[in-house]
Amino acid sequence: MIIRLNSLDIPGGPDGATGAVARTGDGPEPVDPALLADYTRMTDVALRRRLETERGLYMAESTKVIARAVEAGHAPRSFLMAERHLEEMRPLIAAATGTGGRGDGGPVPVLVAPEELLESITGFHLHRGALAAMNRPAPADVSELLASARGSRDARRVAVLEDLVDHTNVGAAFRSAAALGVDAILVTPRCADPLYRRSVRVSMGAVFQVPWTRITRWPAVDELHDAGFVVAALALGEDSVSLDDFAVSPACTAAGSKVALVLGAEGDGLSRRALAAADEVVRIPMAGGVDSLNVAAAAAVAFWALRVRD
């Protein structure tokens, strides 16, 4: 269902827009405020984190990201775009909504508006083609995720993101994980949302490619141990082993080896409890007087070094 918007009044409340007018047929008709509520106040990070989880949605921004979300089997609630992007989006809309060659979204609203109106709705200039409000999938069970992350095979390389608060770093970690053979990712209760718009965009859609779930207890590594994983904490420390040495140890080279790599928050690094729960503490050797790497860069280095080679 294509709805063309031509005016809008956004009140001061945080939960959406009202007073929108659509040009449908012969004259303007009011648009259900709920259709636009998913797209308002998108630059308010704290608000969006709360609202998107409460409403069971996330935002996919750009044609490429929307396509990857659809390929992952996620269902759209609605689309929002400028008129000039509608024709190029029609095949993707048809694929996402199961409407064959029509490309009008069928029962799924496709909201089309002038670019200045889009900016009024979202709070930013929408220059990546389109937005889609997607239904947020239910979180997977940890044990089931570990057992089926590679289709019918067990995961062998897992990343645990402990309390990363920067959405850019979360997205970058997912992109590296997808590129470097990590089978699954677990995020701790206080970690930033991988499905927040910036995380998704930075990952280039890799958050839909790498299976992941949010764990409810941390640092509780019993499920990882039960699944046969060696838990390695990436951190500096006097009792740590170098990444080079750990990568050639039996924990990584034995047939069917399973490693869960725990990465800590920006600045503070891993918590003491996480370090205590780990089986090994692993450090990346540094040169040039540099004491550490950004967590996203460190993740990429470690993922590459610990990749499955058999």
Protein backbone atom coordinates (compact mmCIF):
# COMPACT_ATOMS: atom_id res chain seq x y z
CA MET A 1 0.00 0.00 0.00
CA ILE A 2 1.71 3.19 -1.18
CA ILE A 3 0.88 6.28 0.88
CA ARG A 4 2.15 9.66 -0.27
CA LEU A 5 2.64 12.19 2.52
CA ASN A 6 2.42 15.91 1.89
CA SER A 7 2.30 17.58 5.32
CA LEU A 8 3.11 16.81 8.88
CA ASP A 9 2.81 18.15 12.40
CA ILE A 10 5.06 16.54 15.00
CA PRO A 11 4.11 17.33 18.60
CA GLY A 12 6.54 17.57 21.50
CA GLY A 13 5.77 14.12 22.89
CA PRO A 14 8.34 11.37 22.46
CA ASP A 15 6.14 8.61 21.16
CA GLY A 16 5.35 9.60 17.61
CA ALA A 17 3.83 11.96 15.13
CA THR A 18 0.24 13.06 14.69
CA GLY A 19 -1.55 15.25 12.23
CA ALA A 20 0.06 13.72 9.15
CA VAL A 21 -1.84 14.12 5.91
CA ALA A 22 -1.63 11.70 2.99
CA ARG A 23 -2.52 12.37 -0.60
CA THR A 24 -4.60 9.29 -1.42
CA GLY A 25 -6.88 9.40 -4.41
CA ASP A 26 -8.92 12.57 -4.77
CA GLY A 27 -7.95 14.38 -1.60
CA PRO A 28 -5.98 14.41 1.64
CA GLU A 29 -6.86 11.92 4.35
CA PRO A 30 -5.43 11.59 7.89
CA VAL A 31 -2.72 8.99 8.29
CA ASP A 32 -2.72 6.71 11.31
CA PRO A 33 -0.07 8.25 13.63
CA ALA A 34 1.20 4.75 14.41
CA LEU A 35 2.50 4.46 10.84
CA LEU A 36 4.90 7.34 11.43
CA ALA A 37 5.67 6.71 15.09
CA ASP A 38 8.34 4.13 14.22
CA TYR A 39 10.31 6.78 12.32
CA THR A 40 10.21 9.80 14.63
CA ARG A 41 12.95 11.10 16.95
CA MET A 42 15.54 8.86 15.31
CA THR A 43 18.50 10.97 16.43
CA ASP A 44 17.60 10.56 20.12
CA VAL A 45 19.75 7.50 20.87
CA ALA A 46 18.54 6.84 24.41
CA LEU A 47 14.91 7.17 23.40
CA ARG A 48 15.26 4.99 20.33
CA ARG A 49 17.04 2.25 22.30
CA ARG A 50 14.06 2.06 24.63
CA LEU A 51 11.29 2.49 22.08
CA GLU A 52 12.61 0.05 19.51
CA THR A 53 12.96 -2.73 22.07
CA GLU A 54 9.55 -2.00 23.58
CA ARG A 55 7.87 -1.94 20.17
CA GLY A 56 9.67 -5.04 18.91
CA LEU A 57 11.23 -3.30 15.93
CA TYR A 58 14.51 -2.09 14.49
CA MET A 59 15.38 0.23 11.61
CA ALA A 60 17.11 -0.88 8.42
CA GLU A 61 18.69 2.02 6.53
CA SER A 62 19.76 1.85 2.85
CA THR A 63 18.81 -0.50 0.06
CA LYS A 64 21.72 -2.85 0.78
CA VAL A 65 20.94 -3.19 4.49
CA ILE A 66 17.22 -3.71 3.86
CA ALA A 67 18.06 -6.38 1.28
CA ARG A 68 20.29 -8.22 3.76
CA ALA A 69 17.58 -8.04 6.44
CA VAL A 70 15.07 -9.54 4.01
CA GLU A 71 17.55 -12.25 2.98
CA ALA A 72 17.86 -13.14 6.66
CA GLY A 73 14.11 -13.71 6.77
CA HIS A 74 13.15 -10.57 8.68
CA ALA A 75 9.74 -9.07 7.95
CA PRO A 76 9.10 -5.35 7.33
CA ARG A 77 6.42 -3.38 9.18
CA SER A 78 6.63 -0.46 6.74
CA PHE A 79 8.94 1.46 4.40
CA LEU A 80 9.79 5.17 4.24
CA MET A 81 11.48 6.84 1.27
CA ALA A 82 11.60 9.74 -1.14
CA GLU A 83 9.65 9.51 -4.39
CA ARG A 84 12.83 9.27 -6.46
CA HIS A 85 13.78 5.97 -4.79
CA LEU A 86 10.41 4.25 -5.15
CA GLU A 87 10.95 2.64 -8.55
CA GLU A 88 14.35 1.20 -7.67
CA MET A 89 12.94 -0.12 -4.40
CA ARG A 90 9.91 -1.85 -5.95
CA PRO A 91 11.62 -5.24 -6.58
CA LEU A 92 12.93 -5.31 -3.01
CA ILE A 93 9.54 -4.29 -1.61
CA ALA A 94 7.91 -7.06 -3.63
CA ALA A 95 10.42 -9.64 -2.36
CA ALA A 96 10.06 -8.47 1.24
CA THR A 97 6.27 -8.48 1.25
CA GLY A 98 5.56 -11.43 -1.02
CA THR A 99 3.53 -9.34 -3.45
CA GLY A 100 5.05 -10.74 -6.62
CA GLY A 101 5.82 -8.15 -9.27
CA ARG A 102 3.53 -5.46 -7.88
CA GLY A 103 6.06 -3.69 -5.66
CA ASP A 104 3.39 -1.69 -3.85
CA GLY A 105 3.88 -3.48 -0.54
CA GLY A 106 0.46 -5.07 -0.48
CA PRO A 107 -0.74 -4.76 3.14
CA VAL A 108 2.64 -3.34 4.23
CA PRO A 109 2.61 0.50 4.13
CA VAL A 110 5.10 2.15 1.79
CA LEU A 111 5.35 5.79 2.91
CA VAL A 112 6.60 8.20 0.24
CA ALA A 113 7.30 11.88 0.92
CA PRO A 114 9.37 14.85 -0.25
CA GLU A 115 12.90 14.81 1.13
CA GLU A 116 12.40 17.85 3.35
CA LEU A 117 9.37 16.16 4.92
CA LEU A 118 11.37 12.98 5.48
CA GLU A 119 13.93 15.04 7.36
CA SER A 120 11.16 16.54 9.50
CA ILE A 121 9.89 13.06 10.36
CA THR A 122 13.22 11.38 11.13
CA GLY A 123 15.34 14.28 12.32
CA PHE A 124 18.11 13.71 9.77
CA HIS A 125 18.69 13.85 6.03
CA LEU A 126 17.80 10.49 4.56
CA HIS A 127 20.42 10.11 1.83
CA ARG A 128 20.79 6.33 1.70
CA GLY A 129 17.68 5.62 -0.32
CA ALA A 130 15.15 4.26 2.11
CA LEU A 131 14.32 3.23 5.65
CA ALA A 132 12.37 0.17 6.70
CA ALA A 133 10.87 -0.51 10.10
CA MET A 134 11.49 -4.23 10.58
CA ASN A 135 10.01 -6.65 13.07
CA ARG A 136 12.68 -7.54 15.62
CA PRO A 137 13.21 -11.31 15.73
CA ALA A 138 12.84 -13.13 19.03
CA PRO A 139 16.19 -13.73 20.78
CA ALA A 140 17.66 -17.16 20.27
CA ASP A 141 18.44 -19.56 23.09
CA VAL A 142 22.18 -19.66 23.76
CA SER A 143 22.50 -23.44 23.68
CA GLU A 144 20.48 -23.70 20.47
CA LEU A 145 22.52 -20.93 18.87
CA LEU A 146 25.81 -22.64 19.68
CA ALA A 147 24.50 -25.93 18.33
CA SER A 148 23.20 -24.59 15.03
CA ALA A 149 25.13 -21.42 14.19
CA ARG A 150 26.68 -23.07 11.14
CA GLY A 151 23.49 -24.61 9.85
CA SER A 152 23.38 -28.14 11.24
CA ARG A 153 26.89 -27.95 12.72
CA ASP A 154 28.13 -26.68 16.06
CA ALA A 155 29.77 -23.28 16.30
CA ARG A 156 33.54 -23.44 16.76
CA ARG A 157 34.49 -19.77 17.05
CA VAL A 158 32.32 -17.47 19.14
CA ALA A 159 32.78 -13.85 20.22
CA VAL A 160 31.37 -12.45 23.45
CA LEU A 161 30.95 -8.67 23.54
CA GLU A 162 31.01 -7.53 27.16
CA ASP A 163 29.31 -4.18 27.75
CA LEU A 164 30.42 -2.42 24.55
CA VAL A 165 28.51 0.85 24.63
CA ASP A 166 29.53 2.34 21.28
CA HIS A 167 27.25 1.25 18.44
CA THR A 168 30.02 1.86 15.91
CA ASN A 169 32.29 -0.63 17.64
CA VAL A 170 29.51 -3.19 17.88
CA GLY A 171 28.81 -2.88 14.16
CA ALA A 172 32.51 -3.06 13.28
CA ALA A 173 32.95 -6.18 15.42
CA PHE A 174 30.07 -7.88 13.61
CA ARG A 175 31.51 -6.97 10.23
CA SER A 176 34.90 -8.40 11.18
CA ALA A 177 33.24 -11.51 12.59
CA ALA A 178 31.37 -12.11 9.33
CA ALA A 179 34.52 -11.62 7.27
CA LEU A 180 36.87 -13.66 9.44
CA GLY A 181 34.93 -16.81 10.20
CA VAL A 182 33.32 -16.21 13.59
CA ASP A 183 30.29 -18.50 13.81
CA ALA A 184 28.22 -16.67 16.45
CA ILE A 185 28.25 -13.67 18.77
CA LEU A 186 26.90 -13.34 22.30
CA VAL A 187 26.26 -9.86 23.70
CA THR A 188 26.03 -9.20 27.43
CA PRO A 189 23.01 -7.57 29.09
CA ARG A 190 24.56 -4.07 29.05
CA CYS A 191 26.05 -4.24 25.56
CA ALA A 192 24.76 -1.79 22.95
CA ASP A 193 22.05 -3.08 20.64
CA PRO A 194 23.42 -4.74 17.47
CA LEU A 195 20.13 -3.87 15.74
CA TYR A 196 20.34 -0.16 16.49
CA ARG A 197 20.48 1.82 13.24
CA ARG A 198 24.14 2.84 13.52
CA SER A 199 25.31 -0.66 14.45
CA VAL A 200 23.47 -2.12 11.48
CA ARG A 201 24.84 0.52 9.11
CA VAL A 202 28.47 0.17 10.25
CA SER A 203 28.24 -3.61 9.99
CA MET A 204 26.95 -3.25 6.41
CA GLY A 205 24.24 -5.73 7.31
CA ALA A 206 26.60 -8.28 8.89
CA VAL A 207 24.38 -8.27 12.01
CA PHE A 208 21.95 -10.29 9.87
CA GLN A 209 24.68 -12.64 8.67
CA VAL A 210 26.30 -13.69 11.95
CA PRO A 211 23.92 -15.50 14.33
CA TRP A 212 23.77 -13.74 17.70
CA THR A 213 21.78 -13.44 20.87
CA ARG A 214 21.78 -11.49 24.12
CA ILE A 215 22.70 -13.48 27.20
CA THR A 216 20.83 -12.76 30.41
CA ARG A 217 23.50 -13.84 32.92
CA TRP A 218 27.08 -12.61 32.91
CA PRO A 219 29.76 -13.59 33.56
CA ALA A 220 28.24 -17.04 33.47
CA VAL A 221 30.25 -19.24 31.12
CA ASP A 222 28.67 -22.57 32.04
CA GLU A 223 26.76 -22.80 28.76
CA LEU A 224 29.97 -22.20 26.83
CA HIS A 225 31.83 -24.83 28.87
CA ASP A 226 28.95 -27.29 28.49
CA ALA A 227 29.22 -26.85 24.72
CA GLY A 228 32.96 -27.60 24.83
CA PHE A 229 34.37 -24.07 24.50
CA VAL A 230 37.61 -22.76 25.90
CA VAL A 231 36.85 -19.23 27.08
CA ALA A 232 39.64 -16.79 26.24
CA ALA A 233 39.57 -13.21 27.55
CA LEU A 234 41.36 -10.66 25.37
CA ALA A 235 43.13 -8.36 27.83
CA LEU A 236 46.47 -7.10 29.06
CA GLY A 237 47.83 -8.73 32.19
CA GLU A 238 50.92 -10.19 33.78
CA ASP A 239 49.49 -13.71 33.59
CA SER A 240 48.35 -13.38 29.98
CA VAL A 241 49.69 -15.39 27.06
CA SER A 242 50.45 -13.87 23.69
CA LEU A 243 47.87 -14.26 20.93
CA ASP A 244 50.55 -15.93 18.79
CA ASP A 245 51.18 -18.61 21.42
CA PHE A 246 47.51 -19.19 22.15
CA ALA A 247 46.72 -19.55 18.43
CA VAL A 248 49.10 -22.54 18.14
CA SER A 249 48.07 -24.16 21.42
CA PRO A 250 45.89 -27.31 21.50
CA ALA A 251 42.94 -25.15 22.55
CA CYS A 252 42.93 -23.74 19.01
CA THR A 253 44.59 -26.43 16.92
CA ALA A 254 43.04 -29.66 18.18
CA ALA A 255 40.52 -31.33 15.91
CA GLY A 256 37.11 -29.77 16.50
CA SER A 257 38.55 -27.09 18.79
CA LYS A 258 36.09 -24.54 20.14
CA VAL A 259 37.10 -21.07 21.33
CA ALA A 260 34.96 -18.28 22.77
CA LEU A 261 36.77 -14.95 22.70
CA VAL A 262 35.60 -12.34 25.22
CA LEU A 263 36.08 -8.68 24.26
CA GLY A 264 35.71 -5.85 26.76
CA ALA A 265 34.19 -2.41 26.80
CA GLU A 266 35.87 0.68 25.43
CA GLY A 267 38.21 2.28 27.95
CA ASP A 268 37.60 0.02 30.95
CA GLY A 269 38.26 -3.25 29.17
CA LEU A 270 37.01 -6.52 30.60
CA SER A 271 35.50 -6.70 34.05
CA ARG A 272 37.37 -8.49 36.81
CA ARG A 273 34.62 -11.07 37.01
CA ALA A 274 34.95 -11.82 33.30
CA LEU A 275 38.70 -12.22 33.64
CA ALA A 276 38.23 -14.55 36.60
CA ALA A 277 35.71 -16.67 34.70
CA ALA A 278 37.95 -17.10 31.64
CA ASP A 279 40.08 -20.18 31.05
CA GLU A 280 42.85 -18.11 29.45
CA VAL A 281 43.79 -14.43 29.31
CA VAL A 282 45.23 -13.56 25.91
CA ARG A 283 47.01 -10.37 24.84
CA ILE A 284 47.89 -8.94 21.45
CA PRO A 285 51.64 -8.19 21.39
CA MET A 286 52.22 -4.46 20.88
CA ALA A 287 55.07 -2.44 19.40
CA GLY A 288 55.94 1.21 19.01
CA GLY A 289 54.98 2.17 22.54
CA VAL A 290 51.28 1.50 21.88
CA ASP A 291 49.63 -0.12 24.89
CA SER A 292 46.34 -1.26 23.34
CA LEU A 293 44.04 -1.19 20.32
CA ASN A 294 40.49 0.00 19.89
CA VAL A 295 38.16 -2.92 20.64
CA ALA A 296 36.98 -3.15 17.04
CA ALA A 297 40.56 -3.30 15.72
CA ALA A 298 41.57 -5.79 18.42
CA ALA A 299 38.60 -7.98 17.52
CA ALA A 300 39.63 -8.15 13.87
CA VAL A 301 43.22 -9.08 14.75
CA ALA A 302 42.11 -11.79 17.18
CA PHE A 303 39.42 -13.21 14.89
CA TRP A 304 41.99 -13.62 12.14
CA ALA A 305 44.59 -15.20 14.40
CA LEU A 306 42.15 -17.68 15.95
CA ARG A 307 40.24 -18.67 12.81
CA VAL A 308 39.51 -22.34 12.20
CA ARG A 309 42.19 -23.84 9.96
CA ASP A 310 41.25 -27.52 9.76
